[in-house]
Protein backbone atom coordinates (compact mmCIF):
# COMPACT_ATOMS: atom_id res chain seq x y z
CA MET A 1 -0.05 1.93 2.85
CA LYS A 2 -0.67 5.47 1.62
CA SER A 3 -3.29 6.70 -1.17
CA THR A 4 -3.19 9.65 -3.04
CA LYS A 5 -5.73 11.08 -4.50
CA LEU A 6 -4.71 11.65 -8.14
CA THR A 7 -6.83 13.98 -11.06
CA ILE A 8 -5.91 11.89 -14.59
CA SER A 9 -7.33 13.84 -18.27
CA ASN A 10 -8.49 11.32 -20.83
CA SER A 11 -8.28 10.63 -24.25
CA LYS A 12 -10.94 13.75 -24.15
CA ASN A 13 -9.68 15.81 -21.56
CA GLN A 14 -12.20 14.56 -19.34
CA GLN A 15 -10.82 14.29 -15.78
CA LEU A 16 -10.54 10.85 -14.01
CA ASN A 17 -10.76 10.47 -10.25
CA ALA A 18 -7.93 8.03 -9.28
CA PHE A 19 -6.04 6.95 -5.87
CA LEU A 20 -2.28 6.07 -6.13
CA GLU A 21 -2.03 3.62 -3.12
CA LEU A 22 1.68 3.05 -1.87
CA PRO A 23 3.53 0.08 0.34
CA ALA A 24 3.93 1.35 3.60
CA ASN A 25 7.69 2.70 2.58
CA GLN A 26 5.99 4.93 0.16
CA LYS A 27 8.76 3.33 -2.12
CA PRO A 28 6.74 0.67 -4.52
CA ASN A 29 8.86 -1.71 -6.61
CA TYR A 30 6.54 -2.03 -9.47
CA TYR A 31 2.97 -0.70 -9.99
CA ALA A 32 -0.06 -1.76 -11.08
CA ILE A 33 -3.54 -0.64 -12.62
CA PHE A 34 -6.84 -1.75 -11.21
CA ALA A 35 -9.89 -1.52 -13.74
CA HIS A 36 -13.20 -2.14 -11.75
CA CYS A 37 -15.96 -3.71 -12.96
CA PHE A 38 -19.08 -2.19 -15.03
CA THR A 39 -20.86 0.20 -13.40
CA CYS A 40 -18.97 0.02 -10.69
CA SER A 41 -16.45 2.78 -9.17
CA SER A 42 -13.20 2.60 -7.86
CA SER A 43 -14.59 2.69 -4.08
CA LEU A 44 -15.80 -0.30 -4.59
CA GLY A 45 -14.68 -2.36 -1.19
CA ALA A 46 -13.12 -5.20 -3.64
CA VAL A 47 -10.96 -2.69 -5.50
CA LYS A 48 -9.74 -1.56 -2.49
CA ASN A 49 -8.76 -4.35 -0.82
CA ILE A 50 -7.35 -6.19 -3.93
CA SER A 51 -4.91 -3.25 -4.17
CA ARG A 52 -4.12 -2.20 -1.22
CA THR A 53 -3.07 -5.81 -0.99
CA LEU A 54 -0.84 -5.96 -3.75
CA THR A 55 0.71 -2.94 -1.91
CA ASN A 56 2.17 -5.61 0.85
CA TYR A 57 3.54 -7.21 -2.19
CA GLY A 58 5.62 -3.93 -2.90
CA PHE A 59 3.15 -2.45 -5.99
CA GLY A 60 1.72 0.78 -6.14
CA VAL A 61 -1.59 0.35 -7.11
CA ILE A 62 -3.23 3.24 -8.87
CA ARG A 63 -7.36 2.32 -9.06
CA PHE A 64 -9.47 4.89 -10.95
CA ASP A 65 -12.90 5.31 -11.86
CA PHE A 66 -14.05 5.12 -15.80
CA THR A 67 -15.50 7.76 -17.86
CA GLY A 68 -18.95 8.66 -16.24
CA LEU A 69 -18.31 6.17 -13.32
CA GLY A 70 -18.17 7.16 -9.71
CA ARG A 71 -16.26 10.85 -9.77
CA SER A 72 -14.57 11.07 -12.67
CA GLU A 73 -15.97 13.69 -15.91
CA GLY A 74 -18.19 12.26 -18.21
CA GLU A 75 -21.65 10.65 -19.20
CA PHE A 76 -22.11 6.83 -18.94
CA ALA A 77 -23.23 6.69 -22.63
CA GLU A 78 -19.66 7.44 -23.40
CA SER A 79 -17.87 4.64 -20.68
CA HIS A 80 -18.57 1.90 -24.13
CA PHE A 81 -15.46 -0.21 -24.25
CA SER A 82 -13.40 1.08 -26.39
CA ALA A 83 -13.55 4.22 -24.11
CA ASN A 84 -12.55 2.48 -21.36
CA VAL A 85 -9.54 0.21 -22.56
CA ASP A 86 -8.89 4.52 -23.54
CA ASP A 87 -8.77 5.98 -19.77
CA LEU A 88 -6.75 2.59 -19.48
CA ILE A 89 -3.99 3.69 -21.91
CA ALA A 90 -4.47 7.30 -20.44
CA VAL A 91 -3.76 6.37 -16.46
CA SER A 92 -0.09 4.16 -18.00
CA ASN A 93 0.85 7.61 -19.64
CA TYR A 94 0.35 9.31 -17.21
CA MET A 95 1.89 7.33 -14.17
CA GLU A 96 4.45 6.94 -17.22
CA SER A 97 5.20 10.61 -17.19
CA ASN A 98 4.58 11.47 -13.59
CA TYR A 99 5.92 7.88 -11.64
CA GLU A 100 6.80 4.70 -13.93
CA ALA A 101 4.93 3.06 -16.45
CA PRO A 102 2.69 0.28 -14.85
CA THR A 103 3.45 -3.27 -15.56
CA LEU A 104 0.61 -5.16 -13.81
CA LEU A 105 -2.80 -4.47 -15.04
CA VAL A 106 -5.98 -6.28 -12.87
CA GLY A 107 -9.27 -6.16 -13.82
CA HIS A 108 -12.94 -6.93 -12.26
CA SER A 109 -15.63 -8.25 -14.47
CA LEU A 110 -15.75 -6.36 -17.99
CA GLY A 111 -12.61 -4.58 -16.35
CA GLY A 112 -10.81 -7.36 -17.12
CA ALA A 113 -11.81 -7.73 -20.52
CA ALA A 114 -10.46 -4.43 -20.64
CA VAL A 115 -7.30 -4.69 -19.27
CA ILE A 116 -6.48 -7.31 -21.47
CA SER A 117 -7.29 -4.86 -24.11
CA ALA A 118 -4.89 -2.73 -22.63
CA ALA A 119 -2.17 -4.88 -22.25
CA ALA A 120 -2.27 -5.81 -25.64
CA LYS A 121 -1.71 -1.77 -26.69
CA LEU A 122 1.06 -1.14 -23.87
CA ASN A 123 4.37 -2.64 -24.54
CA THR A 124 5.60 -2.01 -20.52
CA VAL A 125 2.78 -4.28 -19.15
CA LYS A 126 4.18 -7.44 -18.24
CA ALA A 127 1.97 -9.29 -16.62
CA VAL A 128 -1.98 -9.39 -16.32
CA ALA A 129 -4.95 -10.86 -13.95
CA THR A 130 -8.58 -10.79 -14.34
CA VAL A 131 -11.15 -11.14 -11.92
CA GLY A 132 -14.55 -12.40 -12.68
CA ALA A 133 -14.37 -10.98 -16.46
CA PRO A 134 -16.17 -12.05 -19.74
CA ALA A 135 -14.83 -13.98 -22.66
CA THR A 136 -16.63 -12.18 -24.56
CA VAL A 137 -17.32 -8.01 -24.68
CA SER A 138 -20.71 -8.04 -25.48
CA HIS A 139 -21.13 -10.67 -22.58
CA VAL A 140 -22.69 -7.55 -20.73
CA LYS A 141 -25.16 -6.73 -23.37
CA HIS A 142 -27.30 -8.64 -21.60
CA LEU A 143 -27.40 -6.35 -19.05
CA PHE A 144 -29.30 -3.51 -20.59
CA SER A 145 -30.84 -5.93 -23.45
CA HIS A 146 -34.41 -4.49 -22.11
CA GLY A 147 -33.39 -1.07 -23.76
CA ILE A 148 -31.85 -1.84 -26.64
CA GLU A 149 -35.00 -1.95 -29.01
CA ASP A 150 -35.72 1.65 -27.47
CA ILE A 151 -32.89 2.96 -28.62
CA LYS A 152 -33.50 2.34 -32.38
CA SER A 153 -36.59 4.81 -32.29
CA LYS A 154 -35.19 6.73 -29.37
CA GLY A 155 -31.61 7.39 -29.74
CA GLU A 156 -31.31 7.47 -26.20
CA VAL A 157 -32.98 5.47 -23.65
CA GLU A 158 -32.78 5.12 -19.83
CA VAL A 159 -32.34 1.67 -18.61
CA ASN A 160 -31.76 0.13 -14.85
CA ILE A 161 -28.44 -2.09 -14.14
CA GLY A 162 -28.06 -3.40 -10.96
CA GLY A 163 -30.47 -1.04 -9.66
CA ARG A 164 -29.29 2.16 -10.41
CA PRO A 165 -30.75 4.07 -13.79
CA PHE A 166 -27.90 4.77 -16.84
CA LYS A 167 -28.18 6.74 -20.32
CA ILE A 168 -27.52 4.54 -23.04
CA ASN A 169 -26.98 5.43 -26.66
CA ASN A 170 -26.77 3.25 -30.12
CA ASP A 171 -23.27 3.91 -30.19
CA PHE A 172 -22.55 2.80 -26.51
CA VAL A 173 -24.26 -0.36 -27.78
CA GLU A 174 -22.47 -1.31 -30.98
CA ASN A 175 -18.98 -0.04 -29.75
CA PHE A 176 -19.51 -3.91 -27.26
CA ASP A 177 -19.61 -5.78 -30.18
CA LYS A 178 -16.35 -3.69 -32.03
CA THR A 179 -13.89 -6.10 -30.17
CA ASP A 180 -13.11 -9.16 -30.69
CA LEU A 181 -11.36 -10.25 -27.46
CA PRO A 182 -11.28 -14.21 -28.01
CA SER A 183 -8.52 -12.89 -30.76
CA VAL A 184 -6.93 -10.30 -28.32
CA VAL A 185 -6.20 -12.76 -25.63
CA LYS A 186 -4.81 -15.56 -28.02
CA ASN A 187 -2.64 -12.89 -29.54
CA LEU A 188 -1.58 -11.75 -26.13
CA ARG A 189 1.19 -13.37 -25.44
CA LYS A 190 2.02 -12.50 -21.67
CA PRO A 191 1.36 -14.11 -18.54
CA LEU A 192 -2.03 -14.53 -17.79
CA LEU A 193 -4.13 -15.05 -14.18
CA ILE A 194 -6.99 -16.00 -14.14
CA LEU A 195 -9.34 -16.11 -11.41
CA HIS A 196 -13.27 -17.19 -11.22
CA SER A 197 -15.77 -17.87 -8.88
CA PRO A 198 -17.68 -21.68 -10.27
CA THR A 199 -20.57 -20.09 -8.26
CA ASP A 200 -20.51 -16.82 -10.16
CA THR A 201 -24.40 -16.00 -11.30
CA ILE A 202 -23.21 -12.57 -13.41
CA VAL A 203 -20.42 -14.13 -15.56
CA GLY A 204 -20.26 -17.90 -15.63
CA ILE A 205 -17.35 -20.12 -14.88
CA LYS A 206 -17.45 -20.85 -18.68
CA ASN A 207 -16.26 -17.62 -19.39
CA ALA A 208 -13.02 -18.67 -17.24
CA GLU A 209 -12.77 -21.53 -19.37
CA GLN A 210 -12.80 -20.02 -22.93
CA ILE A 211 -10.38 -17.12 -21.76
CA TYR A 212 -7.85 -20.26 -20.43
CA HIS A 213 -8.26 -21.82 -23.63
CA ASN A 214 -7.43 -18.77 -25.97
CA ALA A 215 -4.00 -17.87 -23.68
CA HIS A 216 -1.38 -19.10 -24.43
CA HIS A 217 1.36 -19.95 -21.67
CA PRO A 218 2.11 -18.78 -19.10
CA LYS A 219 -1.34 -18.96 -17.81
CA SER A 220 -3.18 -19.76 -14.59
CA PHE A 221 -6.39 -20.59 -13.16
CA VAL A 222 -7.20 -20.48 -9.67
CA THR A 223 -11.33 -21.23 -8.62
CA LEU A 224 -12.12 -18.86 -6.00
CA ASP A 225 -14.66 -21.18 -4.16
CA ASN A 226 -18.44 -19.77 -2.77
CA THR A 227 -17.31 -16.54 -3.72
CA ASP A 228 -19.90 -13.80 -5.61
CA HIS A 229 -19.50 -12.28 -8.47
CA LEU A 230 -18.63 -8.34 -6.46
CA LEU A 231 -16.83 -10.83 -3.96
CA SER A 232 -18.68 -8.92 -1.32
CA ASN A 233 -16.76 -10.95 1.26
CA ALA A 234 -13.82 -8.51 2.58
CA LYS A 235 -12.03 -11.96 2.73
CA ASP A 236 -12.65 -13.06 -0.54
CA SER A 237 -11.28 -9.64 -2.48
CA ILE A 238 -8.54 -9.87 0.06
CA TYR A 239 -7.19 -13.73 -0.76
CA VAL A 240 -7.79 -12.67 -4.51
CA GLY A 241 -5.10 -9.54 -3.80
CA ASN A 242 -3.02 -11.89 -1.89
CA VAL A 243 -3.07 -15.00 -4.81
CA ILE A 244 -2.26 -11.72 -7.32
CA GLY A 245 0.85 -10.41 -5.50
CA ALA A 246 2.07 -14.30 -4.76
CA TRP A 247 1.89 -14.86 -8.30
CA ALA A 248 3.61 -11.79 -9.77
CA GLU A 249 6.46 -12.71 -8.18
CA ARG A 250 6.99 -14.94 -10.30
CA TYR A 251 7.31 -12.03 -13.37
CA PHE A 252 8.66 -9.58 -11.50
CA GLU A 253 12.38 -10.02 -10.50
CA PRO A 254 12.83 -8.96 -7.11
CA LYS A 255 14.77 -6.09 -6.95
CA GLU A 256 17.71 -5.21 -4.45
CA ASN A 257 17.39 -3.32 -1.22
CA GLN A 258 18.35 0.02 -2.23
CA MET A 259 21.29 0.81 1.24
CA LEU A 260 22.06 3.37 2.52
CA THR A 261 25.47 4.21 3.36
CA THR A 262 25.69 2.86 7.18
CA LYS A 263 29.39 4.72 7.72
CA GLY A 264 30.26 1.27 8.64
CA GLU A 265 27.41 0.77 11.97
CA GLN A 266 25.46 -1.95 11.80
CA ILE A 267 22.11 -0.22 11.04
CA VAL A 268 21.01 3.20 9.65
CA GLY A 269 17.61 5.59 9.78
CA HIS A 270 16.43 7.98 7.87
CA LEU A 271 13.94 10.55 8.11
CA ASN A 272 13.08 13.19 4.89
CA LEU A 273 11.57 15.96 7.05
CA LEU A 274 10.19 17.69 3.91
CA GLU A 275 8.46 14.43 2.74
CA ASP A 276 8.02 11.55 5.50
CA ASN A 277 6.17 13.60 8.48
CA PHE A 278 7.68 10.74 11.63
CA THR A 279 7.85 7.98 9.16
CA THR A 280 11.43 6.07 9.37
CA SER A 281 13.30 3.93 7.05
CA ILE A 282 15.22 1.74 8.87
CA GLN A 283 18.06 -0.87 7.03
CA THR A 284 20.43 -3.23 7.79
CA LYS A 285 22.23 -4.88 5.38
CA ASN A 286 19.72 -7.20 3.93
CA HIS A 287 16.50 -6.18 5.70
CA PHE A 288 14.50 -2.97 5.35
CA MET A 289 11.71 -1.69 8.31
CA ILE A 290 9.76 1.25 8.57
CA ALA A 291 9.10 3.31 12.12
CA ASP A 292 6.58 5.85 12.53
CA GLU A 293 4.22 7.60 14.93
CA PRO A 294 0.68 6.76 15.36
CA THR A 295 -2.26 9.13 14.27
CA SER A 296 -2.69 9.86 17.77
CA VAL A 297 0.07 11.98 18.13
CA GLY A 298 0.56 13.49 14.78
CA GLY A 299 2.17 10.57 12.70
CA ASP A 300 0.73 8.25 9.72
CA ASP A 301 1.01 4.70 11.06
CA PHE A 302 2.94 3.54 8.71
CA GLY A 303 5.06 1.30 10.78
CA PRO A 304 5.56 0.44 14.51
CA SER A 305 6.65 3.26 16.70
CA PRO A 306 10.11 3.90 18.51
CA TYR A 307 9.31 2.07 21.86
CA GLU A 308 7.38 -0.85 19.47
CA TYR A 309 10.56 -1.66 18.26
CA LEU A 310 12.53 -1.33 21.68
CA ASN A 311 9.67 -4.04 22.46
CA ALA A 312 9.95 -6.10 19.69
CA GLY A 313 13.74 -6.65 20.09
CA LEU A 314 13.30 -7.67 23.87
CA ILE A 315 10.58 -10.10 22.45
CA ALA A 316 12.99 -11.79 19.78
CA CYS A 317 15.81 -11.75 21.93
CA THR A 318 13.80 -13.73 24.89
CA ALA A 319 11.89 -16.10 22.66
CA MET A 320 15.45 -16.95 21.21
CA THR A 321 17.17 -17.61 24.06
CA LEU A 322 14.55 -19.39 25.81
CA LYS A 323 14.54 -21.25 23.14
CA LEU A 324 17.70 -22.62 22.76
CA TYR A 325 18.15 -23.34 26.69
CA ALA A 326 14.85 -25.19 26.47
CA GLU A 327 16.54 -27.19 23.48
CA ARG A 328 20.02 -27.61 25.58
CA LYS A 329 17.97 -29.17 27.97
CA LYS A 330 15.46 -31.09 26.00
CA TRP A 331 12.78 -30.09 27.82
CA ASP A 332 9.26 -30.29 25.91
CA LEU A 333 9.10 -26.22 25.21
CA GLN A 334 6.91 -26.29 21.39
CA GLU A 335 5.99 -22.94 21.49
CA VAL A 336 6.70 -19.48 23.60
CA PHE A 337 4.69 -16.12 23.53
CA VAL A 338 5.94 -13.01 24.88
CA TYR A 339 4.14 -10.15 25.59
CA VAL A 340 5.86 -6.91 25.99
CA SER A 341 4.59 -3.10 27.48
CA HIS A 342 6.68 0.22 28.01
CA SER A 343 5.30 3.02 30.29
CA LYS A 344 6.79 5.39 32.66
CA LYS A 345 5.84 4.38 36.23
CA HIS A 346 6.29 6.96 39.29
CA SER A 347 8.91 5.53 41.96
CA ASP A 348 6.71 5.88 44.41
CA ASP A 349 4.36 3.66 42.80
CA LEU A 350 7.07 1.57 41.97
CA GLU A 351 8.19 0.82 46.00
CA VAL A 352 11.85 2.23 44.58
CA GLN A 353 14.49 3.40 46.42
CA VAL A 354 15.99 6.54 45.13
CA ASN A 355 18.02 9.56 45.52
CA LYS A 356 15.03 11.52 44.52
CA PRO A 357 11.42 10.78 43.60
CA THR A 358 10.81 10.60 39.64
CA TYR A 359 8.80 8.64 37.13
CA LEU A 360 11.35 5.44 35.60
CA ASP A 361 10.88 3.60 33.04
CA PHE A 362 8.65 0.42 33.31
CA ILE A 363 8.64 -2.69 31.53
CA THR A 364 6.38 -5.60 31.48
CA LYS A 365 7.18 -9.15 30.06
CA LYS A 366 4.56 -11.88 30.41
CA LEU A 367 5.28 -15.26 29.29
CA LYS A 368 3.17 -18.02 28.16
CA PHE A 369 4.33 -21.66 27.51
CA VAL A 370 3.16 -24.46 25.49
CA GLY A 371 4.72 -27.84 26.05
CA ASN A 372 4.51 -30.46 28.22
CA LEU A 373 6.79 -28.50 31.46
CA ASP A 374 6.03 -28.58 34.82
CA ASP A 375 5.99 -25.62 37.35
CA LYS A 376 10.35 -25.90 38.35
CA GLN A 377 10.76 -25.90 34.82
CA LYS A 378 8.43 -23.05 33.64
CA GLN A 379 10.09 -21.09 36.95
CA ARG A 380 12.93 -22.05 35.65
CA LEU A 381 12.32 -20.49 31.94
CA LYS A 382 10.88 -16.76 33.59
CA GLU A 383 14.50 -16.50 35.40
CA ILE A 384 16.34 -17.25 32.08
CA ALA A 385 14.17 -14.94 30.25
CA SER A 386 15.66 -11.72 32.16
CA LYS A 387 19.26 -13.38 31.09
CA CYS A 388 18.99 -13.13 27.82
CA PRO A 389 21.26 -9.93 26.04
CA VAL A 390 18.73 -7.59 24.99
CA HIS A 391 16.70 -7.81 28.87
CA LYS A 392 20.68 -7.13 29.75
CA THR A 393 21.35 -4.30 27.92
CA LEU A 394 18.05 -2.74 28.91
CA ALA A 395 18.29 -3.25 32.89
CA SER A 396 22.56 -2.22 32.80
CA LYS A 397 23.88 1.62 32.69
CA VAL A 398 24.37 2.34 28.51
CA ILE A 399 27.11 4.40 27.39
CA PHE A 400 26.40 5.82 24.34
CA ASP A 401 29.13 7.92 21.75
CA THR A 402 26.97 10.37 19.51
CA SER A 403 28.82 11.99 16.78
CA ILE A 404 27.97 14.41 13.84
CA LEU A 405 29.34 13.34 10.71
CA GLU A 406 30.09 15.24 7.83
CA ASN A 407 28.21 15.65 4.56
């Protein structure tokens, strides 16, 4: 997963702070926008967790700060509901111009109401997911109701919301009464996922019921047991990201693996030195993988290292060979764990006789068996583990034939 910082101009030419989260291969199938909760920002843990979890489902997710919040320009008094919707549209337009139009909108709390309203105005949006969203936009007014009377006489007042001071004015207050969200939901006609906690003390569960009642099918509701409004526990926000990702698969056509030309070989790898540092794309006929180097040696750690893939091939072959052998013998092998590490060790330390002392490749393989097996059976399985094809290949002399292909 890679995060890219962006700056996006809204309709008032104010600069919105944004981050684009990309899948491990940095090539999203689709794009999504995440809208944060009222007075929050895109740096909230729940926002980052949900966005990054969605990248595991092939989405590129852009999370941004609304006007006057986080690191975006403007005053909070300008961050009324209509401005939030306008910001969402501005971000969508930016993505469409520079990447690809977002097709999934996800919103938390008032951000959930904003994505519903924005989705009604964006033809490119195919589906919407809300988390802890209010059924009406005016629901949030109780958070600053203690300052509304003073606004009438002073024009602008400072109110305390969630322990933080914010300046608001009459336009800010009145704007929350201008959007008829129930009507917007009734006319949305797009797949809608509603996630809400029955223990939400900020936006009660009745709001989810009202949204669901007003929405047309396809609509889905998932209850978030024992979860607070801000999804303070990381496991809750990660769960939400996984639920949204799995749900969205129903409405987004899987994209075919964009194969590189294998030139008649079994597998192909590609590294763009101008863009990808060490990140290498690897493809078979039906599967896509990423290889990289750890950050400790200058890589981005987007995928396993080459030697980790070498170890992985040995592990997979060993486990599969043991399965086949145990099944043929009708032994009670229920599970097998294979632990492998690769390193370089000096021949003197290994007490290996060689013509000239040198460093040798050293692979350790540790096995753990689960099942009703006696010691004799376990020892035999240990012997069989060394007979898997990959193990034998690594242990034998390999002949390479390397050639250059013309472009």
